[in-house]
PDB file of N, CA and C in Angstrom:
ATOM      1  N   UNK A   1    -143.063 -58.794-141.368  1.00  0.00           N
ATOM      2  CA  UNK A   1    -142.446 -60.108-141.544  1.00  0.00           C
ATOM      3  C   UNK A   1    -141.356 -60.266-140.495  1.00  0.00           C
ATOM      4  N   UNK A   2    -141.278 -61.450-139.916  1.00  0.00           N
ATOM      5  CA  UNK A   2    -140.215 -61.756-138.964  1.00  0.00           C
ATOM      6  C   UNK A   2    -138.874 -61.748-139.695  1.00  0.00           C
ATOM      7  N   UNK A   3    -137.812 -61.674-138.941  1.00  0.00           N
ATOM      8  CA  UNK A   3    -136.480 -61.661-139.534  1.00  0.00           C
ATOM      9  C   UNK A   3    -136.267 -62.911-140.378  1.00  0.00           C
ATOM     10  N   UNK A   4    -135.615 -62.718-141.504  1.00  0.00           N
ATOM     11  CA  UNK A   4    -135.279 -63.827-142.393  1.00  0.00           C
ATOM     12  C   UNK A   4    -134.013 -64.484-141.861  1.00  0.00           C
ATOM     13  N   UNK A   5    -134.053 -65.799-141.750  1.00  0.00           N
ATOM     14  CA  UNK A   5    -132.908 -66.589-141.300  1.00  0.00           C
ATOM     15  C   UNK A   5    -132.630 -67.647-142.364  1.00  0.00           C
ATOM     16  N   UNK A   6    -131.529 -68.379-142.231  1.00  0.00           N
ATOM     17  CA  UNK A   6    -131.271 -69.456-143.198  1.00  0.00           C
ATOM     18  C   UNK A   6    -132.388 -70.499-143.251  1.00  0.00           C
ATOM     19  N   UNK A   7    -133.181 -70.604-142.180  1.00  0.00           N
ATOM     20  CA  UNK A   7    -134.262 -71.592-142.133  1.00  0.00           C
ATOM     21  C   UNK A   7    -135.583 -71.102-142.717  1.00  0.00           C
ATOM     22  N   UNK A   8    -135.655 -69.840-143.125  1.00  0.00           N
ATOM     23  CA  UNK A   8    -136.890 -69.292-143.683  1.00  0.00           C
ATOM     24  C   UNK A   8    -137.179 -69.939-145.033  1.00  0.00           C
ATOM     25  N   UNK A   9    -138.392 -70.455-145.226  1.00  0.00           N
ATOM     26  CA  UNK A   9    -138.737 -71.064-146.519  1.00  0.00           C
ATOM     27  C   UNK A   9    -138.666 -70.038-147.658  1.00  0.00           C
ATOM     28  N   UNK A  10    -138.221 -70.483-148.813  1.00  0.00           N
ATOM     29  CA  UNK A  10    -138.089 -69.609-149.974  1.00  0.00           C
ATOM     30  C   UNK A  10    -139.430 -68.984-150.331  1.00  0.00           C
ATOM     31  N   UNK A  11    -140.533 -69.721-150.226  1.00  0.00           N
ATOM     32  CA  UNK A  11    -141.819 -69.133-150.589  1.00  0.00           C
ATOM     33  C   UNK A  11    -142.180 -67.958-149.685  1.00  0.00           C
ATOM     34  N   UNK A  12    -141.766 -67.982-148.417  1.00  0.00           N
ATOM     35  CA  UNK A  12    -142.000 -66.844-147.527  1.00  0.00           C
ATOM     36  C   UNK A  12    -141.134 -65.655-147.935  1.00  0.00           C
ATOM     37  N   UNK A  13    -139.897 -65.932-148.327  1.00  0.00           N
ATOM     38  CA  UNK A  13    -138.999 -64.868-148.776  1.00  0.00           C
ATOM     39  C   UNK A  13    -139.585 -64.196-150.019  1.00  0.00           C
ATOM     40  N   UNK A  14    -140.087 -64.992-150.950  1.00  0.00           N
ATOM     41  CA  UNK A  14    -140.609 -64.435-152.198  1.00  0.00           C
ATOM     42  C   UNK A  14    -141.895 -63.647-152.005  1.00  0.00           C
ATOM     43  N   UNK A  15    -142.559 -63.799-150.863  1.00  0.00           N
ATOM     44  CA  UNK A  15    -143.747 -63.007-150.566  1.00  0.00           C
ATOM     45  C   UNK A  15    -143.371 -61.558-150.230  1.00  0.00           C
ATOM     46  N   UNK A  16    -142.112 -61.317-149.956  1.00  0.00           N
ATOM     47  CA  UNK A  16    -141.623 -59.979-149.639  1.00  0.00           C
ATOM     48  C   UNK A  16    -141.510 -59.166-150.923  1.00  0.00           C
ATOM     49  N   UNK A  17    -142.154 -57.995-150.982  1.00  0.00           N
ATOM     50  CA  UNK A  17    -142.044 -57.170-152.197  1.00  0.00           C
ATOM     51  C   UNK A  17    -140.590 -56.851-152.534  1.00  0.00           C
ATOM     52  N   UNK A  18    -140.219 -57.133-153.764  1.00  0.00           N
ATOM     53  CA  UNK A  18    -138.867 -56.861-154.234  1.00  0.00           C
ATOM     54  C   UNK A  18    -137.882 -57.998-154.036  1.00  0.00           C
ATOM     55  N   UNK A  19    -138.285 -59.064-153.346  1.00  0.00           N
ATOM     56  CA  UNK A  19    -137.357 -60.156-153.051  1.00  0.00           C
ATOM     57  C   UNK A  19    -136.901 -60.888-154.312  1.00  0.00           C
ATOM     58  N   UNK A  20    -137.810 -61.107-155.249  1.00  0.00           N
ATOM     59  CA  UNK A  20    -137.423 -61.812-156.468  1.00  0.00           C
ATOM     60  C   UNK A  20    -136.370 -61.013-157.230  1.00  0.00           C
ATOM     61  N   UNK A  21    -136.584 -59.726-157.351  1.00  0.00           N
ATOM     62  CA  UNK A  21    -135.612 -58.867-158.032  1.00  0.00           C
ATOM     63  C   UNK A  21    -134.275 -58.887-157.301  1.00  0.00           C
ATOM     64  N   UNK A  22    -134.319 -58.806-155.977  1.00  0.00           N
ATOM     65  CA  UNK A  22    -133.092 -58.853-155.171  1.00  0.00           C
ATOM     66  C   UNK A  22    -132.312 -60.146-155.453  1.00  0.00           C
ATOM     67  N   UNK A  23    -133.023 -61.264-155.456  1.00  0.00           N
ATOM     68  CA  UNK A  23    -132.370 -62.556-155.702  1.00  0.00           C
ATOM     69  C   UNK A  23    -131.702 -62.580-157.075  1.00  0.00           C
ATOM     70  N   UNK A  24    -132.444 -62.199-158.099  1.00  0.00           N
ATOM     71  CA  UNK A  24    -131.913 -62.238-159.463  1.00  0.00           C
ATOM     72  C   UNK A  24    -130.731 -61.294-159.611  1.00  0.00           C
ATOM     73  N   UNK A  25    -130.843 -60.093-159.071  1.00  0.00           N
ATOM     74  CA  UNK A  25    -129.739 -59.120-159.164  1.00  0.00           C
ATOM     75  C   UNK A  25    -128.478 -59.610-158.459  1.00  0.00           C
ATOM     76  N   UNK A  26    -128.663 -60.479-157.475  1.00  0.00           N
ATOM     77  CA  UNK A  26    -127.519 -61.000-156.738  1.00  0.00           C
ATOM     78  C   UNK A  26    -127.125 -62.403-157.191  1.00  0.00           C
ATOM     79  N   UNK A  27    -127.616 -62.805-158.368  1.00  0.00           N
ATOM     80  CA  UNK A  27    -127.175 -64.047-158.992  1.00  0.00           C
ATOM     81  C   UNK A  27    -127.728 -65.326-158.409  1.00  0.00           C
ATOM     82  N   UNK A  28    -128.863 -65.245-157.710  1.00  0.00           N
ATOM     83  CA  UNK A  28    -129.465 -66.443-157.117  1.00  0.00           C
ATOM     84  C   UNK A  28    -130.898 -66.568-157.619  1.00  0.00           C
ATOM     85  N   UNK A  29    -131.146 -67.531-158.482  1.00  0.00           N
ATOM     86  CA  UNK A  29    -132.505 -67.775-158.946  1.00  0.00           C
ATOM     87  C   UNK A  29    -133.267 -68.548-157.866  1.00  0.00           C
ATOM     88  N   UNK A  30    -134.414 -68.025-157.425  1.00  0.00           N
ATOM     89  CA  UNK A  30    -135.191 -68.710-156.391  1.00  0.00           C
ATOM     90  C   UNK A  30    -136.104 -69.796-156.949  1.00  0.00           C
ATOM     91  N   UNK A  31    -135.825 -70.248-158.153  1.00  0.00           N
ATOM     92  CA  UNK A  31    -136.680 -71.245-158.794  1.00  0.00           C
ATOM     93  C   UNK A  31    -135.898 -72.498-159.146  1.00  0.00           C
ATOM     94  N   UNK A  32    -136.610 -73.610-159.186  1.00  0.00           N
ATOM     95  CA  UNK A  32    -136.080 -74.868-159.699  1.00  0.00           C
ATOM     96  C   UNK A  32    -136.875 -75.177-160.963  1.00  0.00           C
ATOM     97  N   UNK A  33    -136.616 -76.273-161.597  1.00  0.00           N
ATOM     98  CA  UNK A  33    -137.350 -76.612-162.818  1.00  0.00           C
ATOM     99  C   UNK A  33    -138.832 -76.865-162.535  1.00  0.00           C
ATOM    100  N   UNK A  34    -139.193 -77.081-161.268  1.00  0.00           N
ATOM    101  CA  UNK A  34    -140.577 -77.362-160.911  1.00  0.00           C
ATOM    102  C   UNK A  34    -141.301 -76.155-160.316  1.00  0.00           C
ATOM    103  N   UNK A  35    -140.667 -74.987-160.296  1.00  0.00           N
ATOM    104  CA  UNK A  35    -141.285 -73.791-159.717  1.00  0.00           C
ATOM    105  C   UNK A  35    -140.405 -73.209-158.638  1.00  0.00           C
ATOM    106  N   UNK A  36    -141.039 -72.606-157.614  1.00  0.00           N
ATOM    107  CA  UNK A  36    -140.279 -72.046-156.506  1.00  0.00           C
ATOM    108  C   UNK A  36    -139.451 -73.132-155.847  1.00  0.00           C
ATOM    109  N   UNK A  37    -138.251 -72.757-155.412  1.00  0.00           N
ATOM    110  CA  UNK A  37    -137.394 -73.707-154.707  1.00  0.00           C
ATOM    111  C   UNK A  37    -138.142 -74.200-153.470  1.00  0.00           C
ATOM    112  N   UNK A  38    -138.219 -75.506-153.242  1.00  0.00           N
ATOM    113  CA  UNK A  38    -139.073 -76.046-152.184  1.00  0.00           C
ATOM    114  C   UNK A  38    -138.480 -76.043-150.775  1.00  0.00           C
ATOM    115  N   UNK A  39    -137.283 -75.540-150.590  1.00  0.00           N
ATOM    116  CA  UNK A  39    -136.658 -75.588-149.269  1.00  0.00           C
ATOM    117  C   UNK A  39    -136.472 -74.216-148.661  1.00  0.00           C
ATOM    118  N   UNK A  40    -135.488 -74.129-147.786  1.00  0.00           N
ATOM    119  CA  UNK A  40    -135.202 -72.873-147.098  1.00  0.00           C
ATOM    120  C   UNK A  40    -134.247 -72.016-147.919  1.00  0.00           C
ATOM    121  N   UNK A  41    -134.179 -70.737-147.562  1.00  0.00           N
ATOM    122  CA  UNK A  41    -133.263 -69.834-148.256  1.00  0.00           C
ATOM    123  C   UNK A  41    -131.816 -70.262-148.015  1.00  0.00           C
ATOM    124  N   UNK A  42    -131.517 -70.776-146.835  1.00  0.00           N
ATOM    125  CA  UNK A  42    -130.166 -71.265-146.553  1.00  0.00           C
ATOM    126  C   UNK A  42    -129.790 -72.431-147.446  1.00  0.00           C
ATOM    127  N   UNK A  43    -130.706 -73.370-147.634  1.00  0.00           N
ATOM    128  CA  UNK A  43    -130.458 -74.516-148.518  1.00  0.00           C
ATOM    129  C   UNK A  43    -130.248 -74.046-149.953  1.00  0.00           C
ATOM    130  N   UNK A  44    -131.080 -73.084-150.380  1.00  0.00           N
ATOM    131  CA  UNK A  44    -130.956 -72.563-151.738  1.00  0.00           C
ATOM    132  C   UNK A  44    -129.589 -71.913-151.944  1.00  0.00           C
ATOM    133  N   UNK A  45    -129.179 -71.090-150.998  1.00  0.00           N
ATOM    134  CA  UNK A  45    -127.884 -70.414-151.129  1.00  0.00           C
ATOM    135  C   UNK A  45    -126.736 -71.409-151.141  1.00  0.00           C
ATOM    136  N   UNK A  46    -126.845 -72.454-150.336  1.00  0.00           N
ATOM    137  CA  UNK A  46    -125.810 -73.499-150.326  1.00  0.00           C
ATOM    138  C   UNK A  46    -125.779 -74.223-151.668  1.00  0.00           C
ATOM    139  N   UNK A  47    -126.934 -74.564-152.169  1.00  0.00           N
ATOM    140  CA  UNK A  47    -127.020 -75.287-153.445  1.00  0.00           C
ATOM    141  C   UNK A  47    -126.484 -74.445-154.604  1.00  0.00           C
ATOM    142  N   UNK A  48    -126.721 -73.132-154.545  1.00  0.00           N
ATOM    143  CA  UNK A  48    -126.262 -72.234-155.609  1.00  0.00           C
ATOM    144  C   UNK A  48    -124.829 -71.753-155.389  1.00  0.00           C
ATOM    145  N   UNK A  49    -124.172 -72.251-154.335  1.00  0.00           N
ATOM    146  CA  UNK A  49    -122.794 -71.856-154.009  1.00  0.00           C
ATOM    147  C   UNK A  49    -122.645 -70.340-153.893  1.00  0.00           C
ATOM    148  N   UNK A  50    -123.602 -69.719-153.219  1.00  0.00           N
ATOM    149  CA  UNK A  50    -123.549 -68.272-153.020  1.00  0.00           C
ATOM    150  C   UNK A  50    -122.287 -67.924-152.235  1.00  0.00           C
ATOM    151  N   UNK A  51    -121.540 -66.908-152.683  1.00  0.00           N
ATOM    152  CA  UNK A  51    -120.272 -66.582-152.038  1.00  0.00           C
ATOM    153  C   UNK A  51    -120.409 -65.999-150.633  1.00  0.00           C
ATOM    154  N   UNK A  52    -121.535 -65.358-150.312  1.00  0.00           N
ATOM    155  CA  UNK A  52    -121.708 -64.719-149.005  1.00  0.00           C
ATOM    156  C   UNK A  52    -123.146 -64.892-148.521  1.00  0.00           C
ATOM    157  N   UNK A  53    -123.502 -66.102-148.082  1.00  0.00           N
ATOM    158  CA  UNK A  53    -124.889 -66.337-147.662  1.00  0.00           C
ATOM    159  C   UNK A  53    -125.357 -65.401-146.547  1.00  0.00           C
ATOM    160  N   UNK A  54    -124.483 -65.119-145.574  1.00  0.00           N
ATOM    161  CA  UNK A  54    -124.883 -64.231-144.478  1.00  0.00           C
ATOM    162  C   UNK A  54    -125.184 -62.832-145.004  1.00  0.00           C
ATOM    163  N   UNK A  55    -124.345 -62.338-145.913  1.00  0.00           N
ATOM    164  CA  UNK A  55    -124.566 -61.029-146.507  1.00  0.00           C
ATOM    165  C   UNK A  55    -125.831 -60.987-147.337  1.00  0.00           C
ATOM    166  N   UNK A  56    -126.090 -62.067-148.061  1.00  0.00           N
ATOM    167  CA  UNK A  56    -127.302 -62.162-148.876  1.00  0.00           C
ATOM    168  C   UNK A  56    -128.537 -62.063-147.982  1.00  0.00           C
ATOM    169  N   UNK A  57    -128.545 -62.823-146.892  1.00  0.00           N
ATOM    170  CA  UNK A  57    -129.682 -62.827-145.973  1.00  0.00           C
ATOM    171  C   UNK A  57    -129.795 -61.470-145.276  1.00  0.00           C
ATOM    172  N   UNK A  58    -128.676 -60.857-144.944  1.00  0.00           N
ATOM    173  CA  UNK A  58    -128.712 -59.517-144.342  1.00  0.00           C
ATOM    174  C   UNK A  58    -129.375 -58.529-145.302  1.00  0.00           C
ATOM    175  N   UNK A  59    -129.075 -58.648-146.589  1.00  0.00           N
ATOM    176  CA  UNK A  59    -129.701 -57.787-147.590  1.00  0.00           C
ATOM    177  C   UNK A  59    -131.198 -58.008-147.683  1.00  0.00           C
ATOM    178  N   UNK A  60    -131.616 -59.257-147.577  1.00  0.00           N
ATOM    179  CA  UNK A  60    -133.054 -59.549-147.572  1.00  0.00           C
ATOM    180  C   UNK A  60    -133.721 -58.923-146.355  1.00  0.00           C
ATOM    181  N   UNK A  61    -133.046 -58.968-145.210  1.00  0.00           N
ATOM    182  CA  UNK A  61    -133.614 -58.366-144.008  1.00  0.00           C
ATOM    183  C   UNK A  61    -133.695 -56.846-144.127  1.00  0.00           C
ATOM    184  N   UNK A  62    -132.730 -56.221-144.789  1.00  0.00           N
ATOM    185  CA  UNK A  62    -132.810 -54.783-145.047  1.00  0.00           C
ATOM    186  C   UNK A  62    -134.012 -54.478-145.934  1.00  0.00           C
ATOM    187  N   UNK A  63    -134.205 -55.309-146.959  1.00  0.00           N
ATOM    188  CA  UNK A  63    -135.355 -55.156-147.840  1.00  0.00           C
ATOM    189  C   UNK A  63    -136.661 -55.285-147.050  1.00  0.00           C
ATOM    190  N   UNK A  64    -136.707 -56.264-146.153  1.00  0.00           N
ATOM    191  CA  UNK A  64    -137.904 -56.483-145.328  1.00  0.00           C
ATOM    192  C   UNK A  64    -138.154 -55.287-144.419  1.00  0.00           C
ATOM    193  N   UNK A  65    -137.103 -54.733-143.825  1.00  0.00           N
ATOM    194  CA  UNK A  65    -137.277 -53.558-142.961  1.00  0.00           C
ATOM    195  C   UNK A  65    -137.836 -52.384-143.755  1.00  0.00           C
ATOM    196  N   UNK A  66    -137.349 -52.214-144.977  1.00  0.00           N
ATOM    197  CA  UNK A  66    -137.850 -51.140-145.836  1.00  0.00           C
ATOM    198  C   UNK A  66    -139.318 -51.338-146.184  1.00  0.00           C
ATOM    199  N   UNK A  67    -139.716 -52.589-146.411  1.00  0.00           N
ATOM    200  CA  UNK A  67    -141.117 -52.887-146.734  1.00  0.00           C
ATOM    201  C   UNK A  67    -142.001 -52.637-145.516  1.00  0.00           C
ATOM    202  N   UNK A  68    -141.485 -52.962-144.324  1.00  0.00           N
ATOM    203  CA  UNK A  68    -142.267 -52.745-143.098  1.00  0.00           C
ATOM    204  C   UNK A  68    -142.455 -51.265-142.820  1.00  0.00           C
ATOM    205  N   UNK A  69    -141.451 -50.448-143.188  1.00  0.00           N
ATOM    206  CA  UNK A  69    -141.531 -49.017-142.928  1.00  0.00           C
ATOM    207  C   UNK A  69    -142.366 -48.300-143.989  1.00  0.00           C
ATOM    208  N   UNK A  70    -142.410 -48.895-145.204  1.00  0.00           N
ATOM    209  CA  UNK A  70    -142.995 -48.234-146.341  1.00  0.00           C
ATOM    210  C   UNK A  70    -144.437 -48.088-146.370  1.00  0.00           C
TER     211      UNK A  70
END
């Protein structure tokens, strides 16, 4: 998977093994009342008032690197 950026769609992020658990553990639900959040991960983090969006995305990229190596 290419590096995750604020512009990466949430559905692409959720395709990463462990991403849903990572989101929930860090207090960000990747879902809306209609299913998966329909925008980018950056938009989702802004909407959820995430305290450290850059750190959150960095953590997702660490998760992605682990999946690529695994």
